[in-house]
Each structure stands twice: as structure tokens, then as C-alpha cells.
Amino acid sequence: MADQNNRNEGEGNKTADKKYRDAASDYAQRTDTLDVAKQAEREREKNEPEFDQAERTGRSHSAGELRKDLTGEDFNKK
């Protein structure tokens, strides 16, 4: 019999999804998220050149913007 902790749940791991949602909800309930956002904004402003360089580096690995991503055409698929 396979170990229940290592079983494949197929596409979309429901156990991991539940753990993530529970942890995110817990964090949002016990944390002043507006204050955390303000701290992050100050950190970004303080280190703007470093953040900009990191963004450029990340974008250099991208295939670029896809038209459907920008227009949202794919959101209305049935």
C-alpha cells in the first residue's frame, strides 16, 4: 500500500491548495496587511535600482507579452 503522504493527487494538488489557502487566510487575519504593504513599498523605494535590475533580469528570460494576455481574450473561453 502506498504511503498516503506521497500519493499523486493528479493535476491540481488539493492538499497543497488547502494548506496554502488556510495559511494565507490565517496570515491575513493575524497581520495588518496594509502595514506590511506600506513596509514593502518603502523597501522598494529605498532599493529602487536593485529592484529595477531584478525586474529587467527576469524580463530578459521572458518570451515577451502575449497579445491574449494583455487583452484578456483567453478569460472568456468556454
N, C-alpha and C. Protein backbone atom coordinates (compact mmCIF):
# COMPACT_ATOMS: atom_id res chain seq x y z
N MET A 1 0.84 -1.18 0.00
CA MET A 1 0.00 0.00 0.00
C MET A 1 0.88 1.25 0.00
N ALA A 2 0.54 2.22 -0.82
CA ALA A 2 1.35 3.44 -0.94
C ALA A 2 1.18 4.33 0.28
N ASP A 3 2.22 5.01 0.63
CA ASP A 3 2.18 5.97 1.72
C ASP A 3 1.23 7.11 1.35
N GLN A 4 0.27 7.39 2.21
CA GLN A 4 -0.74 8.42 1.93
C GLN A 4 -0.13 9.80 1.74
N ASN A 5 1.01 10.08 2.38
CA ASN A 5 1.63 11.40 2.25
C ASN A 5 2.31 11.59 0.90
N ASN A 6 2.59 10.50 0.19
CA ASN A 6 3.30 10.60 -1.07
C ASN A 6 2.44 10.25 -2.28
N ARG A 7 1.15 10.14 -2.09
CA ARG A 7 0.31 9.73 -3.21
C ARG A 7 0.12 10.88 -4.19
N ASN A 8 0.02 10.53 -5.46
CA ASN A 8 -0.17 11.51 -6.52
C ASN A 8 -1.64 11.90 -6.58
N GLU A 9 -1.92 13.17 -6.46
CA GLU A 9 -3.30 13.64 -6.50
C GLU A 9 -3.73 14.03 -7.90
N GLY A 10 -2.87 13.82 -8.87
CA GLY A 10 -3.22 14.20 -10.23
C GLY A 10 -3.00 15.68 -10.45
N GLU A 11 -3.60 16.18 -11.51
CA GLU A 11 -3.43 17.59 -11.85
C GLU A 11 -4.15 18.44 -10.81
N GLY A 12 -3.43 19.32 -10.17
CA GLY A 12 -4.02 20.17 -9.13
C GLY A 12 -3.97 19.46 -7.80
N ASN A 13 -3.00 19.74 -6.98
CA ASN A 13 -2.84 19.09 -5.70
C ASN A 13 -3.77 19.75 -4.69
N LYS A 14 -4.87 19.06 -4.37
CA LYS A 14 -5.89 19.63 -3.48
C LYS A 14 -5.38 19.81 -2.05
N THR A 15 -4.53 18.90 -1.60
CA THR A 15 -3.99 19.01 -0.25
C THR A 15 -3.11 20.26 -0.14
N ALA A 16 -2.23 20.45 -1.11
CA ALA A 16 -1.35 21.63 -1.09
C ALA A 16 -2.17 22.91 -1.22
N ASP A 17 -3.21 22.88 -2.06
CA ASP A 17 -4.07 24.05 -2.23
C ASP A 17 -4.74 24.41 -0.90
N LYS A 18 -5.27 23.42 -0.20
CA LYS A 18 -5.94 23.68 1.08
C LYS A 18 -4.95 24.24 2.11
N LYS A 19 -3.76 23.65 2.17
CA LYS A 19 -2.74 24.14 3.11
C LYS A 19 -2.40 25.60 2.81
N TYR A 20 -2.22 25.92 1.53
CA TYR A 20 -1.89 27.29 1.14
C TYR A 20 -3.01 28.25 1.52
N ARG A 21 -4.24 27.89 1.16
CA ARG A 21 -5.37 28.77 1.46
C ARG A 21 -5.56 28.97 2.95
N ASP A 22 -5.41 27.91 3.72
CA ASP A 22 -5.54 28.03 5.18
C ASP A 22 -4.45 28.93 5.75
N ALA A 23 -3.21 28.76 5.28
CA ALA A 23 -2.10 29.58 5.78
C ALA A 23 -2.27 31.04 5.37
N ALA A 24 -2.72 31.28 4.14
CA ALA A 24 -2.92 32.65 3.67
C ALA A 24 -4.04 33.33 4.46
N SER A 25 -5.11 32.62 4.72
CA SER A 25 -6.22 33.17 5.50
C SER A 25 -5.78 33.49 6.92
N ASP A 26 -5.02 32.57 7.52
CA ASP A 26 -4.51 32.78 8.87
C ASP A 26 -3.62 34.02 8.92
N TYR A 27 -2.72 34.15 7.95
CA TYR A 27 -1.82 35.30 7.89
C TYR A 27 -2.61 36.61 7.76
N ALA A 28 -3.60 36.61 6.89
CA ALA A 28 -4.40 37.82 6.66
C ALA A 28 -5.19 38.20 7.90
N GLN A 29 -5.62 37.22 8.67
CA GLN A 29 -6.41 37.51 9.88
C GLN A 29 -5.56 38.02 11.02
N ARG A 30 -4.32 37.57 11.11
CA ARG A 30 -3.49 37.96 12.25
C ARG A 30 -2.46 39.04 11.94
N THR A 31 -2.49 39.58 10.72
CA THR A 31 -1.48 40.54 10.31
C THR A 31 -2.15 41.80 9.76
N ASP A 32 -1.56 42.93 10.05
CA ASP A 32 -2.02 44.19 9.47
C ASP A 32 -1.43 44.26 8.06
N THR A 33 -2.18 43.75 7.09
CA THR A 33 -1.66 43.63 5.73
C THR A 33 -1.40 44.99 5.09
N LEU A 34 -2.13 46.02 5.47
CA LEU A 34 -1.86 47.36 4.94
C LEU A 34 -0.50 47.86 5.41
N ASP A 35 -0.19 47.58 6.66
CA ASP A 35 1.12 47.99 7.19
C ASP A 35 2.24 47.23 6.49
N VAL A 36 2.04 45.94 6.27
CA VAL A 36 3.06 45.14 5.57
C VAL A 36 3.25 45.67 4.15
N ALA A 37 2.17 46.05 3.49
CA ALA A 37 2.27 46.60 2.13
C ALA A 37 3.03 47.92 2.13
N LYS A 38 2.78 48.76 3.12
CA LYS A 38 3.50 50.03 3.22
C LYS A 38 4.99 49.79 3.45
N GLN A 39 5.31 48.82 4.29
CA GLN A 39 6.72 48.48 4.54
C GLN A 39 7.39 48.00 3.25
N ALA A 40 6.69 47.18 2.49
CA ALA A 40 7.23 46.68 1.22
C ALA A 40 7.45 47.82 0.24
N GLU A 41 6.52 48.76 0.21
CA GLU A 41 6.66 49.91 -0.68
C GLU A 41 7.88 50.76 -0.29
N ARG A 42 8.07 50.97 1.01
CA ARG A 42 9.24 51.74 1.47
C ARG A 42 10.53 51.00 1.12
N GLU A 43 10.53 49.69 1.27
CA GLU A 43 11.71 48.88 0.95
C GLU A 43 12.03 48.98 -0.54
N ARG A 44 11.01 48.94 -1.37
CA ARG A 44 11.21 49.04 -2.81
C ARG A 44 11.76 50.42 -3.18
N GLU A 45 11.21 51.46 -2.58
CA GLU A 45 11.68 52.83 -2.86
C GLU A 45 13.13 53.00 -2.41
N LYS A 46 13.47 52.39 -1.28
CA LYS A 46 14.83 52.52 -0.74
C LYS A 46 15.85 51.81 -1.63
N ASN A 47 15.45 50.72 -2.27
CA ASN A 47 16.34 49.92 -3.10
C ASN A 47 15.88 49.87 -4.55
N GLU A 48 15.35 50.98 -5.04
CA GLU A 48 14.75 51.01 -6.38
C GLU A 48 15.68 50.51 -7.48
N PRO A 49 16.94 50.94 -7.55
CA PRO A 49 17.80 50.44 -8.63
C PRO A 49 17.97 48.92 -8.61
N GLU A 50 18.08 48.36 -7.42
CA GLU A 50 18.24 46.91 -7.29
C GLU A 50 16.98 46.17 -7.76
N PHE A 51 15.82 46.68 -7.38
CA PHE A 51 14.55 46.07 -7.80
C PHE A 51 14.36 46.20 -9.30
N ASP A 52 14.71 47.35 -9.85
CA ASP A 52 14.58 47.55 -11.29
C ASP A 52 15.49 46.60 -12.07
N GLN A 53 16.71 46.41 -11.56
CA GLN A 53 17.64 45.48 -12.21
C GLN A 53 17.10 44.05 -12.14
N ALA A 54 16.53 43.68 -11.01
CA ALA A 54 15.97 42.33 -10.88
C ALA A 54 14.80 42.14 -11.85
N GLU A 55 13.99 43.17 -12.02
CA GLU A 55 12.88 43.07 -12.97
C GLU A 55 13.40 42.94 -14.40
N ARG A 56 14.40 43.73 -14.75
CA ARG A 56 14.98 43.63 -16.09
C ARG A 56 15.55 42.23 -16.33
N THR A 57 16.23 41.69 -15.33
CA THR A 57 16.80 40.36 -15.45
C THR A 57 15.70 39.32 -15.67
N GLY A 58 14.65 39.41 -14.90
CA GLY A 58 13.53 38.48 -15.05
C GLY A 58 12.87 38.59 -16.40
N ARG A 59 12.65 39.81 -16.85
CA ARG A 59 12.01 40.02 -18.14
C ARG A 59 12.90 39.56 -19.30
N SER A 60 14.21 39.56 -19.10
CA SER A 60 15.11 39.14 -20.17
C SER A 60 14.95 37.64 -20.47
N HIS A 61 14.40 36.90 -19.56
CA HIS A 61 14.18 35.47 -19.74
C HIS A 61 12.79 35.17 -20.29
N SER A 62 11.98 36.20 -20.44
CA SER A 62 10.59 36.04 -20.86
C SER A 62 10.48 35.98 -22.38
N ALA A 63 9.41 35.34 -22.83
CA ALA A 63 9.12 35.32 -24.27
C ALA A 63 8.45 36.61 -24.69
N GLY A 64 8.19 37.49 -23.73
CA GLY A 64 7.54 38.76 -24.03
C GLY A 64 6.06 38.71 -23.71
N GLU A 65 5.42 39.83 -23.84
CA GLU A 65 3.98 39.91 -23.58
C GLU A 65 3.22 39.25 -24.72
N LEU A 66 2.24 38.48 -24.37
CA LEU A 66 1.38 37.85 -25.37
C LEU A 66 0.12 38.69 -25.52
N ARG A 67 -0.29 38.91 -26.74
CA ARG A 67 -1.45 39.76 -27.01
C ARG A 67 -2.67 39.30 -26.21
N LYS A 68 -2.90 38.00 -26.17
CA LYS A 68 -4.07 37.49 -25.46
C LYS A 68 -3.97 37.73 -23.95
N ASP A 69 -2.76 37.77 -23.42
CA ASP A 69 -2.58 38.08 -22.00
C ASP A 69 -3.00 39.52 -21.72
N LEU A 70 -2.66 40.43 -22.63
CA LEU A 70 -2.94 41.84 -22.43
C LEU A 70 -4.42 42.17 -22.64
N THR A 71 -5.06 41.50 -23.60
CA THR A 71 -6.46 41.80 -23.91
C THR A 71 -7.42 40.98 -23.07
N GLY A 72 -6.96 39.89 -22.49
CA GLY A 72 -7.83 39.04 -21.69
C GLY A 72 -8.72 38.14 -22.51
N GLU A 73 -8.41 37.97 -23.79
CA GLU A 73 -9.25 37.14 -24.67
C GLU A 73 -9.44 35.73 -24.12
N ASP A 74 -8.41 35.17 -23.50
CA ASP A 74 -8.49 33.80 -23.01
C ASP A 74 -9.42 33.65 -21.80
N PHE A 75 -9.76 34.73 -21.13
CA PHE A 75 -10.58 34.63 -19.92
C PHE A 75 -12.01 34.21 -20.22
N ASN A 76 -12.47 34.42 -21.42
CA ASN A 76 -13.86 34.12 -21.75
C ASN A 76 -14.03 32.78 -22.47
N LYS A 77 -13.02 31.92 -22.37
CA LYS A 77 -13.12 30.60 -23.01
C LYS A 77 -14.20 29.80 -22.32
N LYS A 78 -14.88 28.97 -23.11
CA LYS A 78 -15.92 28.11 -22.52
C LYS A 78 -15.48 26.70 -22.57
